[in-house]
Amino acid sequence: MRRASLVFGLFILISILFAFPIASDERTQNLVSIVLDDFDNPEQSPWIAFGSKFITEGFPRVSYPSARPEAFGANRDGTDYKVLGVWGKFDRMGYNFIEIVPDRKDANGEFTGIPIPGRVRSMDLWVWGSNHDFYMEVHIKDARGFIHVLDLGSILFEGWRNLRVDIPGTIVQGRRQVPQIEPLTLMRFVLWTRPNERVDNFYVYFDQIKVLTDVFVTRFDGDDLATLEAKEQIWGDSSGGVQ
């Protein structure tokens, strides 16, 4: 009986040792912080803004002033850092909104957004507010084409503040088949006004859109054929959805 117990115990130990690398591999992470846009090169990555129904004619306007949150050390090294500025005016108070969109388009003229590498955990950006009772959303598109609206919070504050949102686990970013990562895409930010706040003249500035993302990918023989870039190079446009 004792011998049988020892053999059974040895079997369990060996099973655990052999299973551990697999379980460990599934839990492996490589979390990195990636800046999606810092607005320092507007010629290479321009943005555009659209207003809702009661936007004043000629607005919203976009600019790239030389500025930076003090948390980044200002412009002490002589580099001409820039931020994205939006000047807005509406003719009526209410639930008005301004969409702030990366000006990237495909061959059909559709906005493509900014692709986000890895499995995203959170997103943040710096916002300069002027104490207007407005709030912000970010719109994220998943690999299946669904748009997810995430609340970034109020901008009822003065000066620069970092706004952050966690990416909920309900947004699908992976699957069992290869390619296993189903990347997300940043489509737009939306600035909303509240009904009791004045909207006849306001300014908002943005800097450094950043994500915390897990970029770990298990390597295997032939993984160079599993990337989305390889699929499009071999088979052409694969934007028809994930199968």
Protein backbone atom coordinates (compact mmCIF):
# COMPACT_ATOMS: atom_id res chain seq x y z
CA MET A 1 0.00 0.00 0.00
CA ARG A 2 2.82 2.37 0.92
CA ARG A 3 4.65 1.57 -2.34
CA ALA A 4 1.50 2.26 -4.33
CA SER A 5 1.10 5.60 -2.56
CA LEU A 6 4.70 6.56 -3.38
CA VAL A 7 4.23 5.64 -7.05
CA PHE A 8 1.00 7.63 -7.22
CA GLY A 9 2.66 10.62 -5.56
CA LEU A 10 5.58 10.45 -8.01
CA PHE A 11 3.12 10.32 -10.91
CA ILE A 12 1.34 13.46 -9.64
CA LEU A 13 4.66 15.31 -9.22
CA ILE A 14 5.81 14.44 -12.76
CA SER A 15 2.43 15.50 -14.15
CA ILE A 16 2.70 18.87 -12.41
CA LEU A 17 6.25 19.43 -13.64
CA PHE A 18 5.34 18.67 -17.24
CA ALA A 19 2.12 20.69 -17.11
CA PHE A 20 3.72 23.77 -15.55
CA PRO A 21 5.47 25.08 -18.70
CA ILE A 22 2.17 24.99 -20.60
CA ALA A 23 0.26 26.78 -17.86
CA SER A 24 3.12 29.19 -17.40
CA ASP A 25 3.16 29.96 -21.11
CA GLU A 26 -0.55 30.77 -21.04
CA ARG A 27 0.04 33.19 -18.18
CA THR A 28 3.10 34.83 -19.73
CA GLN A 29 2.75 38.56 -20.26
CA ASN A 30 4.82 41.32 -21.73
CA LEU A 31 3.12 44.52 -20.62
CA VAL A 32 4.44 47.62 -22.33
CA SER A 33 3.38 51.25 -22.48
CA ILE A 34 2.95 52.49 -26.06
CA VAL A 35 2.24 56.06 -27.19
CA LEU A 36 -0.28 55.97 -30.04
CA ASP A 37 0.09 59.68 -30.82
CA ASP A 38 1.76 62.64 -29.13
CA PHE A 39 0.67 65.20 -31.78
CA ASP A 40 4.27 66.35 -32.31
CA ASN A 41 4.14 65.53 -36.03
CA PRO A 42 0.74 66.71 -37.29
CA GLU A 43 1.84 66.48 -40.93
CA GLN A 44 2.35 62.73 -40.53
CA SER A 45 -0.65 62.01 -38.28
CA PRO A 46 -3.28 64.74 -38.71
CA TRP A 47 -6.56 64.91 -36.78
CA ILE A 48 -9.90 66.40 -37.76
CA ALA A 49 -12.97 67.47 -35.77
CA PHE A 50 -16.70 67.39 -36.54
CA GLY A 51 -19.51 69.09 -34.64
CA SER A 52 -23.10 67.98 -34.06
CA LYS A 53 -26.26 69.70 -35.32
CA PHE A 54 -26.00 73.12 -33.65
CA ILE A 55 -22.28 73.74 -34.23
CA THR A 56 -21.55 77.36 -35.16
CA GLU A 57 -20.61 77.81 -38.81
CA GLY A 58 -16.85 77.54 -39.29
CA PHE A 59 -16.35 75.40 -36.18
CA PRO A 60 -14.88 73.30 -34.68
CA ARG A 61 -11.33 74.31 -35.52
CA VAL A 62 -8.14 72.29 -34.95
CA SER A 63 -4.68 73.61 -34.15
CA TYR A 64 -1.31 72.29 -32.93
CA PRO A 65 0.17 74.84 -30.49
CA SER A 66 3.60 74.40 -28.94
CA ALA A 67 2.80 73.31 -25.39
CA ARG A 68 3.15 70.37 -23.03
CA PRO A 69 1.96 69.26 -19.57
CA GLU A 70 4.50 70.04 -16.85
CA ALA A 71 4.45 66.34 -15.96
CA PHE A 72 6.51 65.79 -19.14
CA GLY A 73 9.11 68.38 -18.21
CA ALA A 74 7.76 71.17 -20.44
CA ASN A 75 10.01 72.15 -23.40
CA ARG A 76 13.30 72.24 -21.55
CA ASP A 77 15.32 70.24 -24.08
CA GLY A 78 14.58 72.65 -26.91
CA THR A 79 12.28 70.26 -28.80
CA ASP A 80 9.18 71.88 -30.27
CA TYR A 81 6.59 69.67 -28.56
CA LYS A 82 3.01 70.14 -29.71
CA VAL A 83 -0.47 69.35 -28.49
CA LEU A 84 -3.80 69.02 -30.29
CA GLY A 85 -6.15 71.95 -29.71
CA VAL A 86 -9.87 72.13 -30.49
CA TRP A 87 -11.80 75.41 -30.53
CA GLY A 88 -15.54 74.92 -30.32
CA LYS A 89 -18.72 77.00 -30.49
CA PHE A 90 -22.37 75.95 -30.56
CA ASP A 91 -25.45 78.09 -31.24
CA ARG A 92 -27.55 76.35 -28.59
CA MET A 93 -26.98 74.74 -25.22
CA GLY A 94 -27.81 71.06 -24.84
CA TYR A 95 -26.22 67.65 -25.38
CA ASN A 96 -23.95 68.81 -28.19
CA PHE A 97 -20.84 66.90 -29.18
CA ILE A 98 -17.59 67.20 -31.10
CA GLU A 99 -15.92 64.15 -32.65
CA ILE A 100 -12.12 64.25 -32.70
CA VAL A 101 -10.94 61.76 -35.32
CA PRO A 102 -7.52 60.62 -36.60
CA ASP A 103 -7.52 61.66 -40.25
CA ARG A 104 -6.54 58.32 -41.72
CA LYS A 105 -8.59 56.85 -44.57
CA ASP A 106 -8.62 53.75 -46.73
CA ALA A 107 -9.00 53.59 -50.51
CA ASN A 108 -12.76 54.04 -50.14
CA GLY A 109 -12.40 57.21 -48.11
CA GLU A 110 -13.49 55.56 -44.86
CA PHE A 111 -11.75 56.51 -41.62
CA THR A 112 -9.53 53.65 -40.50
CA GLY A 113 -8.49 54.82 -37.03
CA ILE A 114 -5.25 53.98 -35.25
CA PRO A 115 -4.49 50.25 -34.78
CA ILE A 116 -3.51 49.26 -31.24
CA PRO A 117 -0.92 46.46 -30.86
CA GLY A 118 -1.31 43.57 -28.42
CA ARG A 119 -4.11 42.93 -25.94
CA VAL A 120 -4.95 46.31 -24.47
CA ARG A 121 -5.39 46.71 -20.71
CA SER A 122 -5.97 50.46 -20.46
CA MET A 123 -5.82 53.74 -22.36
CA ASP A 124 -5.08 57.24 -21.14
CA LEU A 125 -4.45 60.73 -22.48
CA TRP A 126 -3.76 64.19 -21.13
CA VAL A 127 -6.56 66.74 -21.39
CA TRP A 128 -6.46 70.49 -20.73
CA GLY A 129 -9.79 71.75 -19.44
CA SER A 130 -11.09 75.28 -18.80
CA ASN A 131 -13.62 74.33 -16.11
CA HIS A 132 -16.47 73.66 -18.52
CA ASP A 133 -18.92 70.96 -17.47
CA PHE A 134 -18.16 68.65 -20.40
CA TYR A 135 -17.28 64.95 -20.52
CA MET A 136 -15.44 62.64 -22.89
CA GLU A 137 -15.79 59.22 -24.48
CA VAL A 138 -13.42 57.09 -26.52
CA HIS A 139 -14.72 54.84 -29.29
CA ILE A 140 -12.82 51.58 -29.84
CA LYS A 141 -13.48 49.16 -32.72
CA ASP A 142 -12.80 45.45 -32.28
CA ALA A 143 -11.59 43.07 -34.98
CA ARG A 144 -15.18 42.07 -35.81
CA GLY A 145 -16.16 45.66 -36.58
CA PHE A 146 -18.15 46.43 -33.42
CA ILE A 147 -17.71 49.88 -31.85
CA HIS A 148 -17.36 50.03 -28.06
CA VAL A 149 -17.98 53.33 -26.26
CA LEU A 150 -15.89 53.85 -23.10
CA ASP A 151 -16.30 56.71 -20.63
CA LEU A 152 -13.18 58.80 -19.99
CA GLY A 153 -14.93 61.07 -17.49
CA SER A 154 -15.53 64.75 -16.84
CA ILE A 155 -13.25 67.60 -17.91
CA LEU A 156 -14.67 69.96 -15.28
CA PHE A 157 -11.21 71.06 -14.17
CA GLU A 158 -8.57 73.69 -14.88
CA GLY A 159 -5.38 72.91 -16.77
CA TRP A 160 -3.86 69.52 -17.56
CA ARG A 161 -5.14 66.26 -16.12
CA ASN A 162 -4.63 62.62 -17.12
CA LEU A 163 -7.81 60.73 -18.02
CA ARG A 164 -7.68 56.94 -18.00
CA VAL A 165 -10.03 54.07 -18.79
CA ASP A 166 -9.61 50.30 -18.38
CA ILE A 167 -10.53 48.12 -21.34
CA PRO A 168 -13.25 45.71 -20.09
CA GLY A 169 -12.77 41.99 -20.49
CA THR A 170 -16.06 41.79 -22.39
CA ILE A 171 -14.30 43.28 -25.44
CA VAL A 172 -12.90 40.32 -27.37
CA GLN A 173 -9.19 40.67 -28.16
CA GLY A 174 -8.14 37.08 -28.77
CA ARG A 175 -9.20 33.63 -29.93
CA ARG A 176 -7.90 30.06 -30.08
CA GLN A 177 -7.10 30.07 -33.82
CA VAL A 178 -4.19 32.00 -35.31
CA PRO A 179 -3.73 34.86 -35.49
CA GLN A 180 -4.68 34.62 -31.82
CA ILE A 181 -4.67 38.36 -31.16
CA GLU A 182 -7.67 40.26 -32.50
CA PRO A 183 -6.41 43.85 -32.34
CA LEU A 184 -8.46 46.88 -31.35
CA THR A 185 -8.54 50.19 -33.21
CA LEU A 186 -8.87 53.69 -31.79
CA MET A 187 -11.57 55.35 -33.91
CA ARG A 188 -12.35 58.67 -32.22
CA PHE A 189 -12.76 60.72 -29.08
CA VAL A 190 -16.09 62.42 -28.44
CA LEU A 191 -16.45 65.56 -26.34
CA TRP A 192 -19.98 66.08 -24.97
CA THR A 193 -21.49 69.26 -23.53
CA ARG A 194 -24.06 69.18 -20.73
CA PRO A 195 -27.42 70.99 -21.17
CA ASN A 196 -26.80 73.60 -18.46
CA GLU A 197 -23.26 74.58 -19.52
CA ARG A 198 -22.42 77.47 -21.80
CA VAL A 199 -21.18 76.41 -25.22
CA ASP A 200 -20.70 79.71 -27.07
CA ASN A 201 -16.89 79.63 -26.86
CA PHE A 202 -14.50 77.02 -25.43
CA TYR A 203 -11.05 75.49 -25.95
CA VAL A 204 -9.79 71.99 -25.15
CA TYR A 205 -6.26 70.60 -25.65
CA PHE A 206 -4.99 67.02 -25.79
CA ASP A 207 -1.61 65.35 -25.49
CA GLN A 208 -0.04 61.88 -25.54
CA ILE A 209 -2.56 59.12 -26.17
CA LYS A 210 -1.06 56.04 -24.53
CA VAL A 211 -2.03 52.40 -23.96
CA LEU A 212 -0.84 49.71 -21.57
CA THR A 213 -0.88 46.54 -23.62
CA ASP A 214 0.29 42.93 -23.50
CA VAL A 215 2.36 42.26 -26.63
CA PHE A 216 3.45 38.72 -25.72
CA VAL A 217 2.90 36.21 -28.54
CA THR A 218 3.87 32.53 -28.36
CA ARG A 219 6.33 31.75 -31.16
CA PHE A 220 5.92 28.68 -33.38
CA ASP A 221 7.31 27.38 -36.66
CA GLY A 222 5.55 29.35 -39.41
CA ASP A 223 4.29 32.19 -37.23
CA ASP A 224 5.40 34.64 -39.94
CA LEU A 225 2.35 33.50 -41.94
CA ALA A 226 -0.03 34.19 -39.04
CA THR A 227 0.21 37.97 -38.92
CA LEU A 228 -2.47 40.26 -40.36
CA GLU A 229 0.22 41.97 -42.42
CA ALA A 230 1.19 38.66 -44.03
CA LYS A 231 -2.44 37.81 -44.78
CA GLU A 232 -2.99 41.14 -46.54
CA GLN A 233 0.28 40.88 -48.46
CA ILE A 234 -0.54 37.36 -49.69
CA TRP A 235 -4.32 37.54 -50.08
CA GLY A 236 -5.00 41.25 -50.46
CA ASP A 237 -7.44 43.26 -48.36
CA SER A 238 -8.62 41.13 -45.41
CA SER A 239 -10.91 43.77 -43.92
CA GLY A 240 -13.98 41.70 -44.56
CA GLY A 241 -14.05 40.58 -40.93
CA VAL A 242 -12.48 37.86 -38.83
CA GLN A 243 -13.61 34.36 -39.78
